[in-house]
Amino acid sequence: MEITVKKFKELVLRENEKQNLISRKSIQYELDKHIEDSIRVLDFISFTNQRIIDLGSGAGFPGLVLAMYCRDADFTLVESDHKKSLFLQTASQELGLSHVTVICERAEVLGQDKGFREGFDFCTSRAVAAMNILLEYGLPLVKPGGQVVMWKGCNYQQEINESRNALHLLGGSPGNIYLYSLLEERDRAIVMVEKTAATPAKYPRRVGIPSKRPL
């Protein structure tokens, strides 16, 4: 595993010279923290033999990193930026992650695609959007009983409060919250939302609307 992680870091650093995958300030330190943040979910959740869709994978956090640690799960990485999706494809191939599929598309489109809608056990996402927006992207993609897994900061409770309407409309129910420390004491939260009812067919709305008019 150490060899795989080392190679992944080399790939990110090399690509970061071409496009801004992560901040160029204290890049090695930040890269290590991105990886640590991504895998902390494994302290709380098992992805064994599950289908996971990761939204806004970017440089591979958390989806590609989790795929390195969970080779008995099936990962679909969604990244709408063409250059970043090409990096994810190249990295997954060079790292030998045959259980990873990369898709360059918007989550709103996939959520209305019968080939993806309600096709996953988990939807993961880190640093992509506010919770009420992210739920409209993620809940249509998971099966009933499936869960959306969101990486959040210390203001997670405010985001939960602002998501009550979205939860009601989309068929979600608040789940477990896992708190941990990354840079400061208990500064990170993994927030779970379970899909307890079918998401109405009109959600997600067309591309761009969830972020412009959050539920």
C-alpha atoms as a PDB file:
ATOM      1  CA  MET A   1       0.000   0.000   0.000  1.00  0.00           C
ATOM      2  CA  GLU A   2       2.832   2.413   0.815  1.00  0.00           C
ATOM      3  CA  ILE A   3       4.196   1.947  -2.710  1.00  0.00           C
ATOM      4  CA  THR A   4       0.782   2.676  -4.255  1.00  0.00           C
ATOM      5  CA  VAL A   5       0.262   5.796  -2.132  1.00  0.00           C
ATOM      6  CA  LYS A   6       3.772   7.018  -2.945  1.00  0.00           C
ATOM      7  CA  LYS A   7       3.118   6.576  -6.665  1.00  0.00           C
ATOM      8  CA  PHE A   8      -0.226   8.364  -6.376  1.00  0.00           C
ATOM      9  CA  LYS A   9       1.459  11.318  -4.682  1.00  0.00           C
ATOM     10  CA  GLU A  10       4.059  11.437  -7.454  1.00  0.00           C
ATOM     11  CA  LEU A  11       1.292  11.463 -10.078  1.00  0.00           C
ATOM     12  CA  VAL A  12      -0.541  14.304  -8.319  1.00  0.00           C
ATOM     13  CA  LEU A  13       2.605  16.392  -7.934  1.00  0.00           C
ATOM     14  CA  ARG A  14       3.506  15.885 -11.582  1.00  0.00           C
ATOM     15  CA  GLU A  15       0.016  16.774 -12.790  1.00  0.00           C
ATOM     16  CA  ASN A  16      -0.137  19.748 -10.445  1.00  0.00           C
ATOM     17  CA  GLU A  17       2.562  21.394 -12.537  1.00  0.00           C
ATOM     18  CA  LYS A  18       0.157  21.337 -15.501  1.00  0.00           C
ATOM     19  CA  GLN A  19      -3.113  22.163 -13.775  1.00  0.00           C
ATOM     20  CA  ASN A  20      -4.031  23.355 -10.302  1.00  0.00           C
ATOM     21  CA  LEU A  21      -5.233  20.154  -8.661  1.00  0.00           C
ATOM     22  CA  ILE A  22      -4.316  21.285  -5.155  1.00  0.00           C
ATOM     23  CA  SER A  23      -2.864  24.452  -3.646  1.00  0.00           C
ATOM     24  CA  ARG A  24       0.785  25.010  -4.480  1.00  0.00           C
ATOM     25  CA  LYS A  25       1.469  26.386  -0.992  1.00  0.00           C
ATOM     26  CA  SER A  26       3.061  23.767   1.299  1.00  0.00           C
ATOM     27  CA  ILE A  27       2.028  21.262  -1.315  1.00  0.00           C
ATOM     28  CA  GLN A  28       3.568  18.124   0.201  1.00  0.00           C
ATOM     29  CA  TYR A  29       2.010  18.811   3.613  1.00  0.00           C
ATOM     30  CA  GLU A  30      -1.387  19.575   2.104  1.00  0.00           C
ATOM     31  CA  LEU A  31      -1.265  16.462  -0.072  1.00  0.00           C
ATOM     32  CA  ASP A  32      -0.628  14.281   2.977  1.00  0.00           C
ATOM     33  CA  LYS A  33      -3.555  15.938   4.781  1.00  0.00           C
ATOM     34  CA  HIS A  34      -5.899  15.413   1.804  1.00  0.00           C
ATOM     35  CA  ILE A  35      -5.030  11.716   1.834  1.00  0.00           C
ATOM     36  CA  GLU A  36      -5.430  11.449   5.608  1.00  0.00           C
ATOM     37  CA  ASP A  37      -8.795  13.215   5.466  1.00  0.00           C
ATOM     38  CA  SER A  38     -10.002  10.899   2.702  1.00  0.00           C
ATOM     39  CA  ILE A  39      -9.230   7.650   4.510  1.00  0.00           C
ATOM     40  CA  ARG A  40     -10.521   8.659   7.943  1.00  0.00           C
ATOM     41  CA  VAL A  41     -13.963   7.499   6.818  1.00  0.00           C
ATOM     42  CA  LEU A  42     -12.627   3.929   6.946  1.00  0.00           C
ATOM     43  CA  ASP A  43     -12.430   4.266  10.738  1.00  0.00           C
ATOM     44  CA  PHE A  44     -16.228   4.414  10.757  1.00  0.00           C
ATOM     45  CA  ILE A  45     -17.573   2.731   7.597  1.00  0.00           C
ATOM     46  CA  SER A  46     -16.825  -0.459   5.660  1.00  0.00           C
ATOM     47  CA  PHE A  47     -17.108  -0.301   1.864  1.00  0.00           C
ATOM     48  CA  THR A  48     -16.448  -4.038   1.399  1.00  0.00           C
ATOM     49  CA  ASN A  49     -18.286  -5.401  -1.668  1.00  0.00           C
ATOM     50  CA  GLN A  50     -20.184  -2.133  -2.114  1.00  0.00           C
ATOM     51  CA  ARG A  51     -20.781   0.103  -5.129  1.00  0.00           C
ATOM     52  CA  ILE A  52     -19.606   3.664  -4.477  1.00  0.00           C
ATOM     53  CA  ILE A  53     -20.058   6.739  -6.643  1.00  0.00           C
ATOM     54  CA  ASP A  54     -17.812   9.690  -5.793  1.00  0.00           C
ATOM     55  CA  LEU A  55     -18.959  13.125  -6.929  1.00  0.00           C
ATOM     56  CA  GLY A  56     -16.489  15.859  -7.853  1.00  0.00           C
ATOM     57  CA  SER A  57     -13.445  13.614  -7.498  1.00  0.00           C
ATOM     58  CA  GLY A  58     -10.987  16.309  -8.643  1.00  0.00           C
ATOM     59  CA  ALA A  59      -7.472  15.143  -7.829  1.00  0.00           C
ATOM     60  CA  GLY A  60      -8.840  11.892  -6.407  1.00  0.00           C
ATOM     61  CA  PHE A  61     -10.075  12.926  -2.951  1.00  0.00           C
ATOM     62  CA  PRO A  62     -11.700  10.949  -1.567  1.00  0.00           C
ATOM     63  CA  GLY A  63     -12.715   8.520  -4.331  1.00  0.00           C
ATOM     64  CA  LEU A  64      -9.390   7.482  -5.858  1.00  0.00           C
ATOM     65  CA  VAL A  65      -7.677   7.324  -2.467  1.00  0.00           C
ATOM     66  CA  LEU A  66     -10.446   5.115  -1.070  1.00  0.00           C
ATOM     67  CA  ALA A  67     -10.175   2.874  -4.122  1.00  0.00           C
ATOM     68  CA  MET A  68      -6.515   2.267  -3.297  1.00  0.00           C
ATOM     69  CA  TYR A  69      -7.494   1.033   0.160  1.00  0.00           C
ATOM     70  CA  CYS A  70     -10.725  -0.793  -0.793  1.00  0.00           C
ATOM     71  CA  ARG A  71      -9.903  -3.065  -3.704  1.00  0.00           C
ATOM     72  CA  ASP A  72     -12.912  -5.307  -3.034  1.00  0.00           C
ATOM     73  CA  ALA A  73     -15.364  -2.462  -3.751  1.00  0.00           C
ATOM     74  CA  ASP A  74     -16.500  -0.932  -7.038  1.00  0.00           C
ATOM     75  CA  PHE A  75     -15.839   2.799  -7.502  1.00  0.00           C
ATOM     76  CA  THR A  76     -17.265   5.242 -10.040  1.00  0.00           C
ATOM     77  CA  LEU A  77     -15.510   8.609 -10.002  1.00  0.00           C
ATOM     78  CA  VAL A  78     -17.482  11.539 -11.414  1.00  0.00           C
ATOM     79  CA  GLU A  79     -15.617  14.668 -12.484  1.00  0.00           C
ATOM     80  CA  SER A  80     -17.124  17.190 -14.901  1.00  0.00           C
ATOM     81  CA  ASP A  81     -13.809  18.936 -15.616  1.00  0.00           C
ATOM     82  CA  HIS A  82     -12.286  17.249 -18.664  1.00  0.00           C
ATOM     83  CA  LYS A  83      -8.628  17.704 -17.698  1.00  0.00           C
ATOM     84  CA  LYS A  84      -9.185  16.435 -14.188  1.00  0.00           C
ATOM     85  CA  SER A  85     -11.162  13.439 -15.415  1.00  0.00           C
ATOM     86  CA  LEU A  86      -8.303  12.570 -17.784  1.00  0.00           C
ATOM     87  CA  PHE A  87      -5.905  12.698 -14.836  1.00  0.00           C
ATOM     88  CA  LEU A  88      -8.163  10.374 -12.848  1.00  0.00           C
ATOM     89  CA  GLN A  89      -8.301   7.913 -15.748  1.00  0.00           C
ATOM     90  CA  THR A  90      -4.527   7.955 -16.177  1.00  0.00           C
ATOM     91  CA  ALA A  91      -3.869   7.643 -12.453  1.00  0.00           C
ATOM     92  CA  SER A  92      -6.273   4.750 -11.971  1.00  0.00           C
ATOM     93  CA  GLN A  93      -4.631   2.895 -14.856  1.00  0.00           C
ATOM     94  CA  GLU A  94      -1.080   3.533 -13.646  1.00  0.00           C
ATOM     95  CA  LEU A  95      -2.033   2.472 -10.127  1.00  0.00           C
ATOM     96  CA  GLY A  96      -3.651  -0.732 -11.397  1.00  0.00           C
ATOM     97  CA  LEU A  97      -7.097   0.112 -10.042  1.00  0.00           C
ATOM     98  CA  SER A  98      -9.224  -2.002 -12.367  1.00  0.00           C
ATOM     99  CA  HIS A  99     -12.227  -1.593 -10.044  1.00  0.00           C
ATOM    100  CA  VAL A 100     -12.394   2.148 -10.829  1.00  0.00           C
ATOM    101  CA  THR A 101     -14.484   3.768 -13.570  1.00  0.00           C
ATOM    102  CA  VAL A 102     -14.089   7.464 -14.376  1.00  0.00           C
ATOM    103  CA  ILE A 103     -16.948   9.458 -15.912  1.00  0.00           C
ATOM    104  CA  CYS A 104     -16.699  13.028 -17.181  1.00  0.00           C
ATOM    105  CA  GLU A 105     -20.246  14.268 -16.623  1.00  0.00           C
ATOM    106  CA  ARG A 106     -22.424  16.417 -14.409  1.00  0.00           C
ATOM    107  CA  ALA A 107     -24.138  14.784 -11.438  1.00  0.00           C
ATOM    108  CA  GLU A 108     -27.496  16.242 -12.528  1.00  0.00           C
ATOM    109  CA  VAL A 109     -27.248  14.317 -15.797  1.00  0.00           C
ATOM    110  CA  LEU A 110     -26.270  11.019 -14.163  1.00  0.00           C
ATOM    111  CA  GLY A 111     -29.058  11.344 -11.621  1.00  0.00           C
ATOM    112  CA  GLN A 112     -31.611  11.224 -14.452  1.00  0.00           C
ATOM    113  CA  ASP A 113     -29.819   8.397 -16.287  1.00  0.00           C
ATOM    114  CA  LYS A 114     -31.458   4.988 -15.721  1.00  0.00           C
ATOM    115  CA  GLY A 115     -28.023   3.380 -15.904  1.00  0.00           C
ATOM    116  CA  PHE A 116     -26.918   5.266 -12.790  1.00  0.00           C
ATOM    117  CA  ARG A 117     -30.032   6.319 -10.857  1.00  0.00           C
ATOM    118  CA  GLU A 118     -30.460   4.250  -7.676  1.00  0.00           C
ATOM    119  CA  GLY A 119     -27.498   2.121  -8.723  1.00  0.00           C
ATOM    120  CA  PHE A 120     -25.143   2.649  -5.780  1.00  0.00           C
ATOM    121  CA  ASP A 121     -24.826   1.709  -2.124  1.00  0.00           C
ATOM    122  CA  PHE A 122     -22.895   4.846  -1.204  1.00  0.00           C
ATOM    123  CA  CYS A 123     -22.362   8.285  -2.669  1.00  0.00           C
ATOM    124  CA  THR A 124     -19.279  10.056  -1.350  1.00  0.00           C
ATOM    125  CA  SER A 125     -18.272  13.682  -1.799  1.00  0.00           C
ATOM    126  CA  ARG A 126     -15.692  15.984  -0.245  1.00  0.00           C
ATOM    127  CA  ALA A 127     -15.482  19.777  -0.587  1.00  0.00           C
ATOM    128  CA  VAL A 128     -17.930  19.970  -3.507  1.00  0.00           C
ATOM    129  CA  ALA A 129     -21.031  21.884  -2.405  1.00  0.00           C
ATOM    130  CA  ALA A 130     -23.251  22.839   0.508  1.00  0.00           C
ATOM    131  CA  MET A 131     -25.203  19.918   1.926  1.00  0.00           C
ATOM    132  CA  ASN A 132     -28.623  20.963   0.592  1.00  0.00           C
ATOM    133  CA  ILE A 133     -27.134  21.102  -2.918  1.00  0.00           C
ATOM    134  CA  LEU A 134     -25.110  17.937  -2.562  1.00  0.00           C
ATOM    135  CA  LEU A 135     -28.128  15.927  -1.450  1.00  0.00           C
ATOM    136  CA  GLU A 136     -29.912  16.731  -4.708  1.00  0.00           C
ATOM    137  CA  TYR A 137     -26.885  15.416  -6.575  1.00  0.00           C
ATOM    138  CA  GLY A 138     -26.362  12.319  -4.441  1.00  0.00           C
ATOM    139  CA  LEU A 139     -29.649  10.917  -3.150  1.00  0.00           C
ATOM    140  CA  PRO A 140     -31.054  10.105  -6.624  1.00  0.00           C
ATOM    141  CA  LEU A 141     -27.951   7.973  -7.277  1.00  0.00           C
ATOM    142  CA  VAL A 142     -28.147   5.692  -4.230  1.00  0.00           C
ATOM    143  CA  LYS A 143     -30.477   2.750  -3.704  1.00  0.00           C
ATOM    144  CA  PRO A 144     -33.206   2.866  -1.054  1.00  0.00           C
ATOM    145  CA  GLY A 145     -31.323   2.131   2.136  1.00  0.00           C
ATOM    146  CA  GLY A 146     -28.132   3.528   0.613  1.00  0.00           C
ATOM    147  CA  GLN A 147     -26.265   6.453   2.078  1.00  0.00           C
ATOM    148  CA  VAL A 148     -24.704   9.760   1.067  1.00  0.00           C
ATOM    149  CA  VAL A 149     -21.377  10.344   2.831  1.00  0.00           C
ATOM    150  CA  MET A 150     -20.249  13.981   3.078  1.00  0.00           C
ATOM    151  CA  TRP A 151     -17.002  15.432   4.407  1.00  0.00           C
ATOM    152  CA  LYS A 152     -17.744  18.667   6.259  1.00  0.00           C
ATOM    153  CA  GLY A 153     -16.061  21.223   8.491  1.00  0.00           C
ATOM    154  CA  CYS A 154     -16.953  22.446  11.973  1.00  0.00           C
ATOM    155  CA  ASN A 155     -20.084  24.247  10.667  1.00  0.00           C
ATOM    156  CA  TYR A 156     -21.722  20.910   9.774  1.00  0.00           C
ATOM    157  CA  GLN A 157     -24.694  21.459  12.108  1.00  0.00           C
ATOM    158  CA  GLN A 158     -25.669  24.661  10.317  1.00  0.00           C
ATOM    159  CA  GLU A 159     -25.565  22.830   6.983  1.00  0.00           C
ATOM    160  CA  ILE A 160     -27.764  20.073   8.404  1.00  0.00           C
ATOM    161  CA  ASN A 161     -30.279  22.651   9.636  1.00  0.00           C
ATOM    162  CA  GLU A 162     -30.345  24.276   6.200  1.00  0.00           C
ATOM    163  CA  SER A 163     -30.951  20.886   4.571  1.00  0.00           C
ATOM    164  CA  ARG A 164     -34.226  19.978   6.296  1.00  0.00           C
ATOM    165  CA  ASN A 165     -36.322  20.856   3.259  1.00  0.00           C
ATOM    166  CA  ALA A 166     -33.997  19.008   0.880  1.00  0.00           C
ATOM    167  CA  LEU A 167     -34.123  15.896   3.080  1.00  0.00           C
ATOM    168  CA  HIS A 168     -37.922  16.004   3.120  1.00  0.00           C
ATOM    169  CA  LEU A 169     -38.289  16.490  -0.637  1.00  0.00           C
ATOM    170  CA  LEU A 170     -35.604  14.006  -1.700  1.00  0.00           C
ATOM    171  CA  GLY A 171     -36.423  11.096   0.597  1.00  0.00           C
ATOM    172  CA  GLY A 172     -33.444  11.374   2.934  1.00  0.00           C
ATOM    173  CA  SER A 173     -33.066  10.989   6.667  1.00  0.00           C
ATOM    174  CA  PRO A 174     -30.197  12.210   8.896  1.00  0.00           C
ATOM    175  CA  GLY A 175     -27.798   9.440   9.837  1.00  0.00           C
ATOM    176  CA  ASN A 176     -24.648   9.163  11.909  1.00  0.00           C
ATOM    177  CA  ILE A 177     -22.171  11.995  12.335  1.00  0.00           C
ATOM    178  CA  TYR A 178     -18.527  11.133  12.916  1.00  0.00           C
ATOM    179  CA  LEU A 179     -16.243  13.812  14.353  1.00  0.00           C
ATOM    180  CA  TYR A 180     -12.463  13.752  14.166  1.00  0.00           C
ATOM    181  CA  SER A 181      -9.441  16.050  14.170  1.00  0.00           C
ATOM    182  CA  LEU A 182      -7.305  16.880  11.156  1.00  0.00           C
ATOM    183  CA  LEU A 183      -5.649  20.265  11.709  1.00  0.00           C
ATOM    184  CA  GLU A 184      -7.433  21.392  14.872  1.00  0.00           C
ATOM    185  CA  GLU A 185      -9.368  19.686  17.644  1.00  0.00           C
ATOM    186  CA  ARG A 186     -12.539  18.062  16.208  1.00  0.00           C
ATOM    187  CA  ASP A 187     -12.486  20.282  13.132  1.00  0.00           C
ATOM    188  CA  ARG A 188     -13.840  17.682  10.714  1.00  0.00           C
ATOM    189  CA  ALA A 189     -17.129  15.814  10.402  1.00  0.00           C
ATOM    190  CA  ILE A 190     -18.345  13.007   8.211  1.00  0.00           C
ATOM    191  CA  VAL A 191     -22.099  13.400   7.873  1.00  0.00           C
ATOM    192  CA  MET A 192     -24.259  10.481   6.767  1.00  0.00           C
ATOM    193  CA  VAL A 193     -27.695  10.709   5.169  1.00  0.00           C
ATOM    194  CA  GLU A 194     -29.729   7.578   4.525  1.00  0.00           C
ATOM    195  CA  LYS A 195     -32.137   7.231   1.615  1.00  0.00           C
ATOM    196  CA  THR A 196     -35.372   6.177   3.309  1.00  0.00           C
ATOM    197  CA  ALA A 197     -37.816   6.856   0.462  1.00  0.00           C
ATOM    198  CA  ALA A 198     -37.699   7.033  -3.323  1.00  0.00           C
ATOM    199  CA  THR A 199     -36.503  10.368  -4.689  1.00  0.00           C
ATOM    200  CA  PRO A 200     -39.213  11.965  -6.872  1.00  0.00           C
ATOM    201  CA  ALA A 201     -38.469  11.660 -10.586  1.00  0.00           C
ATOM    202  CA  LYS A 202     -38.146  15.430 -11.075  1.00  0.00           C
ATOM    203  CA  TYR A 203     -34.946  15.455  -8.990  1.00  0.00           C
ATOM    204  CA  PRO A 204     -32.211  16.237  -9.687  1.00  0.00           C
ATOM    205  CA  ARG A 205     -33.315  19.274 -11.630  1.00  0.00           C
ATOM    206  CA  ARG A 206     -31.493  20.271 -14.812  1.00  0.00           C
ATOM    207  CA  VAL A 207     -27.807  21.208 -14.824  1.00  0.00           C
ATOM    208  CA  GLY A 208     -26.994  24.266 -12.746  1.00  0.00           C
ATOM    209  CA  ILE A 209     -30.366  24.642 -11.047  1.00  0.00           C
ATOM    210  CA  PRO A 210     -29.535  22.833  -7.762  1.00  0.00           C
ATOM    211  CA  SER A 211     -26.676  25.244  -7.063  1.00  0.00           C
ATOM    212  CA  LYS A 212     -28.597  28.335  -8.217  1.00  0.00           C
ATOM    213  CA  ARG A 213     -31.825  27.486  -6.365  1.00  0.00           C
ATOM    214  CA  PRO A 214     -31.011  25.089  -3.490  1.00  0.00           C
ATOM    215  CA  LEU A 215     -33.944  23.207  -2.056  1.00  0.00           C
END
